[in-house]
Amino acid sequence: MDATDEIVKEINEGKIVYREKEIDAKTLDWNAHAVFKGVYLKHLVKGEDTDGKFSSHLVKVEAGCEIGEHVHEEQWELHEIMSGVGKGVIAEKEITYKLGVFGVIPKGVKHKVIATDTNLYLLAKFVPALF
C-alpha cells in the first residue's frame, strides 16, 4: 500500500468529531452516485449537522469513470485530491488531479472529474452544504 492509499484508508476509518458527538467514518455507507456510474460518496459531514453551512464528502471515482459535467447553482466546491490521478475540468480549464492539488469551483460553474488508470479519491467540500 503506498502513502496515498494510506491517506484514504485513514480518512475512511477515521472519526468525525463534533462538540456533542463523534461518528466513526467506517460506519458510514458508501453511496452509489445517482447519475454517474463508478462514482461513490461517503457523506462525512452533512448539512443537517452544520445548520446547512457546509458539507464534506469522500468521493471515489473508479478508474475509467467520471463525474460528468454538472453545475452547483448555490454551492462553492473544493476538491482536495487524496489518492490516484485524474483530470478535473473547471469551466474550460483542465487540471491534473493528483495528491496535493486543490480544485476550487465557484457556484454556477460547469465542472467534471475524470479518473484515468487508477481509482481517484477526493474530499469534496461544499459551502453552503450540498445536503
C-alpha atoms as a PDB file:
ATOM      1  CA  MET A   1       0.000   0.000   0.000  1.00  0.00           C
ATOM      2  CA  ASP A   2       1.505   3.346  -0.965  1.00  0.00           C
ATOM      3  CA  ALA A   3       1.286   6.548   1.062  1.00  0.00           C
ATOM      4  CA  THR A   4      -1.704   7.952  -0.810  1.00  0.00           C
ATOM      5  CA  ASP A   5      -3.698   4.751  -0.311  1.00  0.00           C
ATOM      6  CA  GLU A   6      -2.821   5.028   3.377  1.00  0.00           C
ATOM      7  CA  ILE A   7      -4.306   8.558   3.469  1.00  0.00           C
ATOM      8  CA  VAL A   8      -7.624   7.312   2.068  1.00  0.00           C
ATOM      9  CA  LYS A   9      -7.596   4.366   4.488  1.00  0.00           C
ATOM     10  CA  GLU A  10      -7.047   6.711   7.441  1.00  0.00           C
ATOM     11  CA  ILE A  11      -9.896   9.020   6.346  1.00  0.00           C
ATOM     12  CA  ASN A  12     -12.206   6.080   5.656  1.00  0.00           C
ATOM     13  CA  GLU A  13     -11.512   4.663   9.134  1.00  0.00           C
ATOM     14  CA  GLY A  14     -11.218   7.985  10.944  1.00  0.00           C
ATOM     15  CA  LYS A  15     -13.602   9.996  13.094  1.00  0.00           C
ATOM     16  CA  ILE A  16     -15.828  12.988  12.565  1.00  0.00           C
ATOM     17  CA  VAL A  17     -15.777  14.856  15.861  1.00  0.00           C
ATOM     18  CA  TYR A  18     -18.387  17.420  16.832  1.00  0.00           C
ATOM     19  CA  ARG A  19     -18.704  19.169  20.157  1.00  0.00           C
ATOM     20  CA  GLU A  20     -21.629  16.938  21.119  1.00  0.00           C
ATOM     21  CA  LYS A  21     -20.930  13.692  19.241  1.00  0.00           C
ATOM     22  CA  GLU A  22     -18.410  11.552  17.364  1.00  0.00           C
ATOM     23  CA  ILE A  23     -19.012   9.411  14.297  1.00  0.00           C
ATOM     24  CA  ASP A  24     -16.756   6.578  13.175  1.00  0.00           C
ATOM     25  CA  ALA A  25     -16.278   7.108   9.434  1.00  0.00           C
ATOM     26  CA  LYS A  26     -16.068   3.350   8.855  1.00  0.00           C
ATOM     27  CA  THR A  27     -19.734   3.057   9.931  1.00  0.00           C
ATOM     28  CA  LEU A  28     -20.847   5.439   7.180  1.00  0.00           C
ATOM     29  CA  ASP A  29     -22.081   3.890   3.956  1.00  0.00           C
ATOM     30  CA  TRP A  30     -20.558   4.338   0.527  1.00  0.00           C
ATOM     31  CA  ASN A  31     -23.430   5.568  -1.647  1.00  0.00           C
ATOM     32  CA  ALA A  32     -23.510   4.993  -5.407  1.00  0.00           C
ATOM     33  CA  HIS A  33     -23.958   8.279  -7.251  1.00  0.00           C
ATOM     34  CA  ALA A  34     -27.498   8.552  -8.609  1.00  0.00           C
ATOM     35  CA  VAL A  35     -26.326   9.536 -12.104  1.00  0.00           C
ATOM     36  CA  PHE A  36     -22.637   8.756 -12.663  1.00  0.00           C
ATOM     37  CA  LYS A  37     -21.595   5.086 -12.930  1.00  0.00           C
ATOM     38  CA  GLY A  38     -18.484   4.120 -10.941  1.00  0.00           C
ATOM     39  CA  VAL A  39     -18.790   7.086  -8.564  1.00  0.00           C
ATOM     40  CA  TYR A  40     -19.353   6.595  -4.825  1.00  0.00           C
ATOM     41  CA  LEU A  41     -19.740   9.054  -1.954  1.00  0.00           C
ATOM     42  CA  LYS A  42     -19.273   8.739   1.775  1.00  0.00           C
ATOM     43  CA  HIS A  43     -21.049  11.666   3.460  1.00  0.00           C
ATOM     44  CA  LEU A  44     -18.641  12.653   6.250  1.00  0.00           C
ATOM     45  CA  VAL A  45     -20.231  15.957   7.298  1.00  0.00           C
ATOM     46  CA  LYS A  46     -23.840  16.692   6.388  1.00  0.00           C
ATOM     47  CA  GLY A  47     -25.621  19.996   6.275  1.00  0.00           C
ATOM     48  CA  GLU A  48     -28.020  18.817   8.958  1.00  0.00           C
ATOM     49  CA  ASP A  49     -25.050  18.922  11.374  1.00  0.00           C
ATOM     50  CA  THR A  50     -23.777  22.373  10.298  1.00  0.00           C
ATOM     51  CA  ASP A  51     -27.011  24.367  10.074  1.00  0.00           C
ATOM     52  CA  GLY A  52     -26.645  23.999   6.306  1.00  0.00           C
ATOM     53  CA  LYS A  53     -23.396  25.989   6.266  1.00  0.00           C
ATOM     54  CA  PHE A  54     -21.112  23.316   4.716  1.00  0.00           C
ATOM     55  CA  SER A  55     -20.739  19.616   3.948  1.00  0.00           C
ATOM     56  CA  SER A  56     -17.829  17.277   3.238  1.00  0.00           C
ATOM     57  CA  HIS A  57     -17.830  14.038   1.258  1.00  0.00           C
ATOM     58  CA  LEU A  58     -15.193  11.425   0.494  1.00  0.00           C
ATOM     59  CA  VAL A  59     -15.618  10.658  -3.205  1.00  0.00           C
ATOM     60  CA  LYS A  60     -14.335   7.626  -5.102  1.00  0.00           C
ATOM     61  CA  VAL A  61     -14.253   7.724  -8.896  1.00  0.00           C
ATOM     62  CA  GLU A  62     -13.327   4.299 -10.228  1.00  0.00           C
ATOM     63  CA  ALA A  63     -10.610   4.010 -12.884  1.00  0.00           C
ATOM     64  CA  GLY A  64     -12.004   4.890 -16.309  1.00  0.00           C
ATOM     65  CA  CYS A  65     -15.139   6.538 -14.864  1.00  0.00           C
ATOM     66  CA  GLU A  66     -16.104  10.165 -14.418  1.00  0.00           C
ATOM     67  CA  ILE A  67     -18.312  12.642 -12.667  1.00  0.00           C
ATOM     68  CA  GLY A  68     -19.764  14.153 -15.818  1.00  0.00           C
ATOM     69  CA  GLU A  69     -20.156  17.854 -16.447  1.00  0.00           C
ATOM     70  CA  HIS A  70     -22.554  19.454 -13.982  1.00  0.00           C
ATOM     71  CA  VAL A  71     -23.201  22.678 -12.065  1.00  0.00           C
ATOM     72  CA  HIS A  72     -23.991  23.527  -8.441  1.00  0.00           C
ATOM     73  CA  GLU A  73     -26.035  26.711  -8.686  1.00  0.00           C
ATOM     74  CA  GLU A  74     -25.847  27.543  -4.973  1.00  0.00           C
ATOM     75  CA  GLN A  75     -22.595  25.996  -3.699  1.00  0.00           C
ATOM     76  CA  TRP A  76     -18.911  26.720  -3.974  1.00  0.00           C
ATOM     77  CA  GLU A  77     -16.995  23.440  -4.086  1.00  0.00           C
ATOM     78  CA  LEU A  78     -13.461  22.494  -3.089  1.00  0.00           C
ATOM     79  CA  HIS A  79     -11.826  19.297  -4.336  1.00  0.00           C
ATOM     80  CA  GLU A  80      -8.868  18.076  -2.265  1.00  0.00           C
ATOM     81  CA  ILE A  81      -7.204  15.190  -4.066  1.00  0.00           C
ATOM     82  CA  MET A  82      -6.309  12.365  -1.676  1.00  0.00           C
ATOM     83  CA  SER A  83      -5.216   9.490  -3.931  1.00  0.00           C
ATOM     84  CA  GLY A  84      -4.936   8.479  -7.564  1.00  0.00           C
ATOM     85  CA  VAL A  85      -4.512  10.536 -10.700  1.00  0.00           C
ATOM     86  CA  GLY A  86      -7.113  12.019 -12.980  1.00  0.00           C
ATOM     87  CA  LYS A  87      -8.308  15.177 -14.604  1.00  0.00           C
ATOM     88  CA  GLY A  88     -10.517  17.975 -13.369  1.00  0.00           C
ATOM     89  CA  VAL A  89     -12.177  20.387 -15.754  1.00  0.00           C
ATOM     90  CA  ILE A  90     -13.422  23.668 -14.295  1.00  0.00           C
ATOM     91  CA  ALA A  91     -15.227  25.642 -16.983  1.00  0.00           C
ATOM     92  CA  GLU A  92     -12.755  25.114 -19.862  1.00  0.00           C
ATOM     93  CA  LYS A  93      -9.619  24.812 -17.679  1.00  0.00           C
ATOM     94  CA  GLU A  94      -8.093  21.319 -17.452  1.00  0.00           C
ATOM     95  CA  ILE A  95      -6.180  20.394 -14.291  1.00  0.00           C
ATOM     96  CA  THR A  96      -4.190  17.266 -13.484  1.00  0.00           C
ATOM     97  CA  TYR A  97      -5.777  15.907 -10.339  1.00  0.00           C
ATOM     98  CA  LYS A  98      -3.200  14.250  -8.060  1.00  0.00           C
ATOM     99  CA  LEU A  99      -2.231  14.350  -4.397  1.00  0.00           C
ATOM    100  CA  GLY A 100      -1.640  17.939  -3.318  1.00  0.00           C
ATOM    101  CA  VAL A 101      -3.918  19.542  -5.928  1.00  0.00           C
ATOM    102  CA  PHE A 102      -6.970  21.554  -4.891  1.00  0.00           C
ATOM    103  CA  GLY A 103      -9.710  22.437  -7.370  1.00  0.00           C
ATOM    104  CA  VAL A 104     -11.790  25.490  -6.443  1.00  0.00           C
ATOM    105  CA  ILE A 105     -15.149  25.641  -8.207  1.00  0.00           C
ATOM    106  CA  PRO A 106     -17.314  28.762  -7.853  1.00  0.00           C
ATOM    107  CA  LYS A 107     -21.075  28.359  -7.721  1.00  0.00           C
ATOM    108  CA  GLY A 108     -22.729  28.212 -11.112  1.00  0.00           C
ATOM    109  CA  VAL A 109     -19.572  26.988 -12.938  1.00  0.00           C
ATOM    110  CA  LYS A 110     -19.612  23.794 -15.031  1.00  0.00           C
ATOM    111  CA  HIS A 111     -17.104  21.163 -13.949  1.00  0.00           C
ATOM    112  CA  LYS A 112     -16.286  17.461 -14.193  1.00  0.00           C
ATOM    113  CA  VAL A 113     -13.824  14.909 -12.806  1.00  0.00           C
ATOM    114  CA  ILE A 114     -12.272  12.037 -14.748  1.00  0.00           C
ATOM    115  CA  ALA A 115     -10.362   9.106 -13.219  1.00  0.00           C
ATOM    116  CA  THR A 116      -7.716   7.771 -15.577  1.00  0.00           C
ATOM    117  CA  ASP A 117      -5.864   4.485 -14.951  1.00  0.00           C
ATOM    118  CA  THR A 118      -6.407   4.363 -11.182  1.00  0.00           C
ATOM    119  CA  ASN A 119      -9.208   4.996  -8.754  1.00  0.00           C
ATOM    120  CA  LEU A 120      -9.329   8.675  -7.823  1.00  0.00           C
ATOM    121  CA  TYR A 121     -10.257   9.749  -4.291  1.00  0.00           C
ATOM    122  CA  LEU A 122     -11.050  13.299  -3.305  1.00  0.00           C
ATOM    123  CA  LEU A 123     -12.651  15.220  -0.500  1.00  0.00           C
ATOM    124  CA  ALA A 124     -15.436  17.376  -1.911  1.00  0.00           C
ATOM    125  CA  LYS A 125     -16.424  20.233   0.376  1.00  0.00           C
ATOM    126  CA  PHE A 126     -19.445  22.431  -0.267  1.00  0.00           C
ATOM    127  CA  VAL A 127     -20.403  25.892   1.002  1.00  0.00           C
ATOM    128  CA  PRO A 128     -23.303  26.070   1.713  1.00  0.00           C
ATOM    129  CA  ALA A 129     -23.948  22.381   2.304  1.00  0.00           C
ATOM    130  CA  LEU A 130     -24.852  20.196  -0.661  1.00  0.00           C
ATOM    131  CA  PHE A 131     -27.185  18.183   1.636  1.00  0.00           C
END
